[in-house]
Amino acid sequence: MDWKPLRRDDILMGRETEFPLDASLEKNLFALLNRINLFGKLYWIKTIKNLEVNSGYRPGYYNLKAHGALNSAHLYCMAVDLHDMDGDICDYLEANVALLEEIDMYWENPKSTPTWIHLDIRKRGHRIFNV
């Protein structure tokens, strides 16, 4: 199996047609894709598994429907949730926490998200948040 980077369409989920991106959202999306694909490549090298998006851009009522936080990073193209039913991504992150600093990403406490991994690029006090 070859490594497959995540693409704009994976993050946007077709929602940009209804909620177009402005320059700020485009900038955020560019940064998110660069960082998540750096992570994805390193994860693939270790596991030979590609990342799969569960949730990306969630403007307006999409965020409400997902029960997202009122000021969710998903609203701003700054976050992605990845499928992790088997816990492999969680295990990889737990064994490589320093990687979060290297790629400048933040991870929501996995106890809050048992079947997916939330990673974002919004600046926070701690690399693992909601602890």
N, C-alpha and C. Protein backbone atom coordinates (compact mmCIF):
# COMPACT_ATOMS: atom_id res chain seq x y z
N MET A 1 0.85 -1.18 0.00
CA MET A 1 0.00 0.00 0.00
C MET A 1 0.89 1.24 0.00
N ASP A 2 0.53 2.20 -0.82
CA ASP A 2 1.27 3.45 -0.89
C ASP A 2 0.68 4.47 0.08
N TRP A 3 1.54 5.41 0.51
CA TRP A 3 1.06 6.51 1.34
C TRP A 3 0.21 7.44 0.50
N LYS A 4 -0.94 7.83 1.07
CA LYS A 4 -1.85 8.76 0.40
C LYS A 4 -2.04 9.98 1.30
N PRO A 5 -1.52 11.12 0.87
CA PRO A 5 -1.72 12.33 1.67
C PRO A 5 -3.19 12.74 1.67
N LEU A 6 -3.60 13.41 2.73
CA LEU A 6 -4.95 13.97 2.76
C LEU A 6 -4.99 15.16 1.81
N ARG A 7 -6.15 15.37 1.20
CA ARG A 7 -6.35 16.43 0.23
C ARG A 7 -7.36 17.45 0.75
N ARG A 8 -7.43 18.57 0.07
CA ARG A 8 -8.42 19.61 0.42
C ARG A 8 -9.81 19.01 0.55
N ASP A 9 -10.19 18.21 -0.43
CA ASP A 9 -11.54 17.62 -0.43
C ASP A 9 -11.80 16.76 0.80
N ASP A 10 -10.76 16.11 1.32
CA ASP A 10 -10.92 15.29 2.52
C ASP A 10 -11.30 16.15 3.72
N ILE A 11 -10.70 17.32 3.81
CA ILE A 11 -10.97 18.23 4.93
C ILE A 11 -12.27 19.01 4.71
N LEU A 12 -12.47 19.49 3.49
CA LEU A 12 -13.63 20.36 3.22
C LEU A 12 -14.94 19.59 3.14
N MET A 13 -14.91 18.34 2.73
CA MET A 13 -16.10 17.49 2.71
C MET A 13 -17.24 18.07 1.87
N GLY A 14 -16.89 18.88 0.86
CA GLY A 14 -17.90 19.48 -0.01
C GLY A 14 -18.63 20.67 0.58
N ARG A 15 -18.30 21.04 1.78
CA ARG A 15 -19.03 22.10 2.48
C ARG A 15 -18.64 23.50 2.03
N GLU A 16 -17.53 23.61 1.30
CA GLU A 16 -17.08 24.92 0.83
C GLU A 16 -17.99 25.47 -0.26
N THR A 17 -18.81 24.62 -0.88
CA THR A 17 -19.74 25.13 -1.89
C THR A 17 -20.85 25.94 -1.23
N GLU A 18 -21.28 25.50 -0.08
CA GLU A 18 -22.32 26.19 0.68
C GLU A 18 -21.75 27.30 1.56
N PHE A 19 -20.55 27.05 2.09
CA PHE A 19 -19.86 27.99 2.98
C PHE A 19 -18.47 28.24 2.41
N PRO A 20 -18.34 29.13 1.41
CA PRO A 20 -17.05 29.36 0.75
C PRO A 20 -15.97 29.83 1.73
N LEU A 21 -14.73 29.49 1.39
CA LEU A 21 -13.60 29.87 2.20
C LEU A 21 -13.11 31.26 1.82
N ASP A 22 -12.84 32.08 2.83
CA ASP A 22 -12.19 33.36 2.60
C ASP A 22 -10.67 33.15 2.70
N ALA A 23 -9.91 34.22 2.56
CA ALA A 23 -8.45 34.11 2.56
C ALA A 23 -7.92 33.54 3.87
N SER A 24 -8.53 33.90 4.97
CA SER A 24 -8.09 33.40 6.28
C SER A 24 -8.31 31.89 6.41
N LEU A 25 -9.47 31.42 5.97
CA LEU A 25 -9.75 29.98 6.01
C LEU A 25 -8.83 29.21 5.07
N GLU A 26 -8.55 29.78 3.89
CA GLU A 26 -7.62 29.15 2.94
C GLU A 26 -6.24 29.00 3.57
N LYS A 27 -5.80 30.05 4.25
CA LYS A 27 -4.49 30.02 4.92
C LYS A 27 -4.46 28.93 5.99
N ASN A 28 -5.53 28.86 6.78
CA ASN A 28 -5.62 27.83 7.83
C ASN A 28 -5.62 26.43 7.22
N LEU A 29 -6.38 26.24 6.16
CA LEU A 29 -6.46 24.95 5.50
C LEU A 29 -5.11 24.52 4.97
N PHE A 30 -4.38 25.45 4.36
CA PHE A 30 -3.04 25.16 3.84
C PHE A 30 -2.12 24.69 4.97
N ALA A 31 -2.14 25.40 6.09
CA ALA A 31 -1.30 25.03 7.24
C ALA A 31 -1.73 23.67 7.81
N LEU A 32 -3.03 23.46 7.95
CA LEU A 32 -3.53 22.19 8.49
C LEU A 32 -3.11 21.02 7.60
N LEU A 33 -3.30 21.16 6.31
CA LEU A 33 -2.92 20.07 5.39
C LEU A 33 -1.42 19.78 5.44
N ASN A 34 -0.60 20.81 5.50
CA ASN A 34 0.84 20.59 5.58
C ASN A 34 1.22 19.82 6.84
N ARG A 35 0.66 20.22 7.95
CA ARG A 35 1.03 19.59 9.23
C ARG A 35 0.43 18.19 9.36
N ILE A 36 -0.82 18.01 8.97
CA ILE A 36 -1.44 16.69 9.10
C ILE A 36 -0.79 15.70 8.13
N ASN A 37 -0.36 16.17 6.98
CA ASN A 37 0.31 15.27 6.05
C ASN A 37 1.72 14.92 6.50
N LEU A 38 2.39 15.82 7.19
CA LEU A 38 3.67 15.47 7.79
C LEU A 38 3.45 14.37 8.83
N PHE A 39 2.45 14.56 9.68
CA PHE A 39 2.11 13.54 10.66
C PHE A 39 1.72 12.23 9.96
N GLY A 40 0.87 12.33 8.95
CA GLY A 40 0.39 11.14 8.25
C GLY A 40 1.50 10.33 7.61
N LYS A 41 2.48 11.01 7.05
CA LYS A 41 3.61 10.32 6.43
C LYS A 41 4.43 9.58 7.50
N LEU A 42 4.69 10.23 8.61
CA LEU A 42 5.45 9.58 9.70
C LEU A 42 4.67 8.39 10.27
N TYR A 43 3.37 8.56 10.42
CA TYR A 43 2.52 7.47 10.91
C TYR A 43 2.53 6.31 9.93
N TRP A 44 2.42 6.60 8.64
CA TRP A 44 2.42 5.56 7.62
C TRP A 44 3.74 4.78 7.61
N ILE A 45 4.86 5.49 7.75
CA ILE A 45 6.17 4.82 7.77
C ILE A 45 6.22 3.78 8.89
N LYS A 46 5.62 4.11 10.02
CA LYS A 46 5.64 3.20 11.19
C LYS A 46 4.61 2.08 11.06
N THR A 47 3.43 2.38 10.49
CA THR A 47 2.31 1.42 10.54
C THR A 47 1.85 0.91 9.18
N ILE A 48 2.24 1.56 8.11
CA ILE A 48 1.74 1.29 6.74
C ILE A 48 0.21 1.45 6.70
N LYS A 49 -0.29 2.43 7.42
CA LYS A 49 -1.72 2.75 7.41
C LYS A 49 -1.89 4.22 7.06
N ASN A 50 -2.85 4.50 6.19
CA ASN A 50 -3.17 5.88 5.83
C ASN A 50 -4.20 6.45 6.79
N LEU A 51 -4.21 7.77 6.89
CA LEU A 51 -5.19 8.46 7.72
C LEU A 51 -6.51 8.57 6.97
N GLU A 52 -7.60 8.52 7.73
CA GLU A 52 -8.94 8.68 7.16
C GLU A 52 -9.71 9.72 7.96
N VAL A 53 -10.23 10.71 7.28
CA VAL A 53 -10.93 11.82 7.94
C VAL A 53 -12.34 11.40 8.35
N ASN A 54 -12.65 11.68 9.59
CA ASN A 54 -14.00 11.50 10.12
C ASN A 54 -14.77 12.82 10.03
N SER A 55 -14.07 13.92 10.34
CA SER A 55 -14.69 15.24 10.31
C SER A 55 -13.61 16.28 10.06
N GLY A 56 -13.90 17.23 9.19
CA GLY A 56 -12.96 18.30 8.89
C GLY A 56 -13.63 19.65 9.07
N TYR A 57 -13.79 20.38 7.98
CA TYR A 57 -14.42 21.71 7.99
C TYR A 57 -15.88 21.56 8.39
N ARG A 58 -16.26 22.28 9.46
CA ARG A 58 -17.64 22.19 9.96
C ARG A 58 -18.22 23.58 10.17
N PRO A 59 -18.56 24.26 9.10
CA PRO A 59 -19.16 25.58 9.23
C PRO A 59 -20.63 25.49 9.63
N GLY A 60 -21.10 26.56 10.27
CA GLY A 60 -22.53 26.71 10.55
C GLY A 60 -23.19 25.51 11.21
N TYR A 61 -24.28 25.09 10.61
CA TYR A 61 -25.08 24.03 11.23
C TYR A 61 -24.38 22.68 11.22
N TYR A 62 -23.34 22.49 10.40
CA TYR A 62 -22.59 21.23 10.44
C TYR A 62 -21.92 21.04 11.79
N ASN A 63 -21.43 22.13 12.36
CA ASN A 63 -20.81 22.06 13.67
C ASN A 63 -21.86 21.80 14.76
N LEU A 64 -23.01 22.42 14.62
CA LEU A 64 -24.09 22.18 15.59
C LEU A 64 -24.55 20.72 15.53
N LYS A 65 -24.72 20.21 14.32
CA LYS A 65 -25.16 18.83 14.13
C LYS A 65 -24.16 17.83 14.73
N ALA A 66 -22.87 18.19 14.68
CA ALA A 66 -21.83 17.32 15.23
C ALA A 66 -21.65 17.53 16.73
N HIS A 67 -22.44 18.41 17.33
CA HIS A 67 -22.31 18.76 18.74
C HIS A 67 -20.93 19.31 19.05
N GLY A 68 -20.37 20.08 18.08
CA GLY A 68 -19.06 20.68 18.26
C GLY A 68 -19.11 21.86 19.22
N ALA A 69 -17.96 22.21 19.74
CA ALA A 69 -17.84 23.37 20.63
C ALA A 69 -18.24 24.63 19.86
N LEU A 70 -18.78 25.60 20.57
CA LEU A 70 -19.25 26.83 19.92
C LEU A 70 -18.16 27.54 19.14
N ASN A 71 -16.93 27.47 19.60
CA ASN A 71 -15.81 28.11 18.93
C ASN A 71 -14.83 27.06 18.42
N SER A 72 -15.34 25.96 17.94
CA SER A 72 -14.54 24.82 17.50
C SER A 72 -13.51 25.22 16.44
N ALA A 73 -12.32 24.63 16.52
CA ALA A 73 -11.29 24.84 15.50
C ALA A 73 -11.76 24.33 14.13
N HIS A 74 -12.72 23.41 14.12
CA HIS A 74 -13.27 22.91 12.85
C HIS A 74 -13.95 24.03 12.05
N LEU A 75 -14.50 25.02 12.73
CA LEU A 75 -15.15 26.15 12.06
C LEU A 75 -14.17 26.95 11.20
N TYR A 76 -12.91 26.91 11.56
CA TYR A 76 -11.89 27.77 10.96
C TYR A 76 -10.87 27.00 10.11
N CYS A 77 -11.21 25.77 9.72
CA CYS A 77 -10.28 24.92 8.95
C CYS A 77 -8.98 24.70 9.71
N MET A 78 -9.09 24.56 11.02
CA MET A 78 -7.90 24.39 11.86
C MET A 78 -7.87 23.04 12.55
N ALA A 79 -8.82 22.14 12.23
CA ALA A 79 -8.89 20.87 12.94
C ALA A 79 -9.36 19.76 12.02
N VAL A 80 -8.96 18.56 12.39
CA VAL A 80 -9.41 17.36 11.69
C VAL A 80 -9.59 16.25 12.71
N ASP A 81 -10.65 15.48 12.54
CA ASP A 81 -10.86 14.27 13.34
C ASP A 81 -10.57 13.08 12.43
N LEU A 82 -9.79 12.14 12.95
CA LEU A 82 -9.37 10.97 12.19
C LEU A 82 -9.98 9.70 12.77
N HIS A 83 -10.44 8.80 11.91
CA HIS A 83 -10.95 7.51 12.36
C HIS A 83 -9.85 6.79 13.12
N ASP A 84 -10.20 6.23 14.29
CA ASP A 84 -9.22 5.47 15.07
C ASP A 84 -9.94 4.42 15.91
N MET A 85 -10.73 3.61 15.25
CA MET A 85 -11.51 2.58 15.94
C MET A 85 -10.63 1.57 16.68
N ASP A 86 -9.45 1.27 16.12
CA ASP A 86 -8.57 0.27 16.74
C ASP A 86 -7.58 0.88 17.72
N GLY A 87 -7.54 2.20 17.83
CA GLY A 87 -6.66 2.87 18.77
C GLY A 87 -5.21 2.97 18.32
N ASP A 88 -4.92 2.63 17.08
CA ASP A 88 -3.53 2.64 16.60
C ASP A 88 -2.94 4.06 16.56
N ILE A 89 -3.73 5.03 16.12
CA ILE A 89 -3.21 6.40 16.07
C ILE A 89 -2.97 6.91 17.48
N CYS A 90 -3.89 6.62 18.37
CA CYS A 90 -3.74 7.00 19.77
C CYS A 90 -2.46 6.40 20.36
N ASP A 91 -2.25 5.11 20.12
CA ASP A 91 -1.03 4.45 20.62
C ASP A 91 0.22 5.10 20.05
N TYR A 92 0.19 5.42 18.76
CA TYR A 92 1.33 6.05 18.11
C TYR A 92 1.61 7.42 18.74
N LEU A 93 0.56 8.21 18.94
CA LEU A 93 0.74 9.53 19.55
C LEU A 93 1.24 9.42 20.99
N GLU A 94 0.70 8.49 21.75
CA GLU A 94 1.15 8.32 23.13
C GLU A 94 2.64 7.96 23.19
N ALA A 95 3.10 7.19 22.21
CA ALA A 95 4.51 6.78 22.17
C ALA A 95 5.40 7.87 21.57
N ASN A 96 4.80 8.88 20.94
CA ASN A 96 5.56 9.93 20.24
C ASN A 96 5.01 11.31 20.54
N VAL A 97 4.73 11.61 21.80
CA VAL A 97 4.14 12.90 22.18
C VAL A 97 5.00 14.07 21.72
N ALA A 98 6.32 13.92 21.73
CA ALA A 98 7.21 15.00 21.30
C ALA A 98 6.97 15.39 19.84
N LEU A 99 6.42 14.48 19.07
CA LEU A 99 6.11 14.76 17.67
C LEU A 99 5.12 15.91 17.53
N LEU A 100 4.20 16.03 18.48
CA LEU A 100 3.22 17.12 18.44
C LEU A 100 3.93 18.48 18.44
N GLU A 101 4.97 18.60 19.25
CA GLU A 101 5.76 19.84 19.29
C GLU A 101 6.47 20.05 17.95
N GLU A 102 7.05 19.00 17.42
CA GLU A 102 7.80 19.10 16.16
C GLU A 102 6.93 19.55 15.00
N ILE A 103 5.70 19.04 14.92
CA ILE A 103 4.82 19.40 13.81
C ILE A 103 3.86 20.52 14.16
N ASP A 104 3.96 21.02 15.40
CA ASP A 104 3.16 22.15 15.88
C ASP A 104 1.66 21.87 15.76
N MET A 105 1.25 20.73 16.37
CA MET A 105 -0.17 20.37 16.41
C MET A 105 -0.58 20.09 17.85
N TYR A 106 -1.88 20.09 18.06
CA TYR A 106 -2.46 19.88 19.38
C TYR A 106 -3.45 18.74 19.31
N TRP A 107 -3.52 17.95 20.38
CA TRP A 107 -4.29 16.71 20.42
C TRP A 107 -5.29 16.78 21.56
N GLU A 108 -6.55 16.53 21.23
CA GLU A 108 -7.57 16.48 22.28
C GLU A 108 -7.42 15.19 23.07
N ASN A 109 -7.57 15.29 24.37
CA ASN A 109 -7.47 14.12 25.26
C ASN A 109 -8.24 12.94 24.66
N PRO A 110 -7.56 11.82 24.43
CA PRO A 110 -8.22 10.68 23.79
C PRO A 110 -9.33 10.06 24.63
N LYS A 111 -9.37 10.36 25.93
CA LYS A 111 -10.48 9.85 26.75
C LYS A 111 -11.80 10.50 26.33
N SER A 112 -11.70 11.70 25.73
CA SER A 112 -12.90 12.40 25.25
C SER A 112 -13.32 11.91 23.87
N THR A 113 -12.42 11.23 23.16
CA THR A 113 -12.68 10.83 21.78
C THR A 113 -12.22 9.38 21.58
N PRO A 114 -12.91 8.40 22.11
CA PRO A 114 -12.41 7.02 22.11
C PRO A 114 -12.34 6.34 20.74
N THR A 115 -13.07 6.81 19.74
CA THR A 115 -13.05 6.14 18.44
C THR A 115 -12.47 7.03 17.34
N TRP A 116 -11.99 8.19 17.70
CA TRP A 116 -11.35 9.08 16.74
C TRP A 116 -10.29 9.90 17.45
N ILE A 117 -9.44 10.52 16.63
CA ILE A 117 -8.38 11.40 17.12
C ILE A 117 -8.66 12.80 16.58
N HIS A 118 -8.68 13.77 17.49
CA HIS A 118 -8.83 15.17 17.10
C HIS A 118 -7.45 15.81 17.15
N LEU A 119 -7.00 16.35 16.01
CA LEU A 119 -5.76 17.11 15.94
C LEU A 119 -6.08 18.48 15.37
N ASP A 120 -5.44 19.51 15.93
CA ASP A 120 -5.66 20.85 15.39
C ASP A 120 -4.40 21.69 15.45
N ILE A 121 -4.49 22.86 14.82
CA ILE A 121 -3.34 23.76 14.74
C ILE A 121 -3.58 25.05 15.51
N ARG A 122 -4.63 25.09 16.31
CA ARG A 122 -4.92 26.29 17.11
C ARG A 122 -3.97 26.33 18.30
N LYS A 123 -3.34 27.47 18.52
CA LYS A 123 -2.39 27.62 19.63
C LYS A 123 -3.11 27.44 20.96
N ARG A 124 -2.53 26.60 21.81
CA ARG A 124 -3.10 26.30 23.12
C ARG A 124 -1.97 26.28 24.13
N GLY A 125 -2.33 26.17 25.39
CA GLY A 125 -1.31 26.11 26.45
C GLY A 125 -0.59 24.78 26.51
N HIS A 126 -1.28 23.69 26.18
CA HIS A 126 -0.70 22.36 26.28
C HIS A 126 -0.92 21.62 24.96
N ARG A 127 0.03 20.76 24.61
CA ARG A 127 -0.09 19.98 23.38
C ARG A 127 -1.24 18.99 23.43
N ILE A 128 -1.53 18.49 24.63
CA ILE A 128 -2.71 17.63 24.82
C ILE A 128 -3.67 18.44 25.67
N PHE A 129 -4.87 18.70 25.14
CA PHE A 129 -5.81 19.56 25.86
C PHE A 129 -7.07 18.81 26.27
N ASN A 130 -7.85 19.45 27.14
CA ASN A 130 -9.04 18.85 27.77
C ASN A 130 -8.65 17.66 28.64
N VAL A 131 -7.53 17.82 29.34
CA VAL A 131 -7.03 16.74 30.20
C VAL A 131 -7.73 16.82 31.54
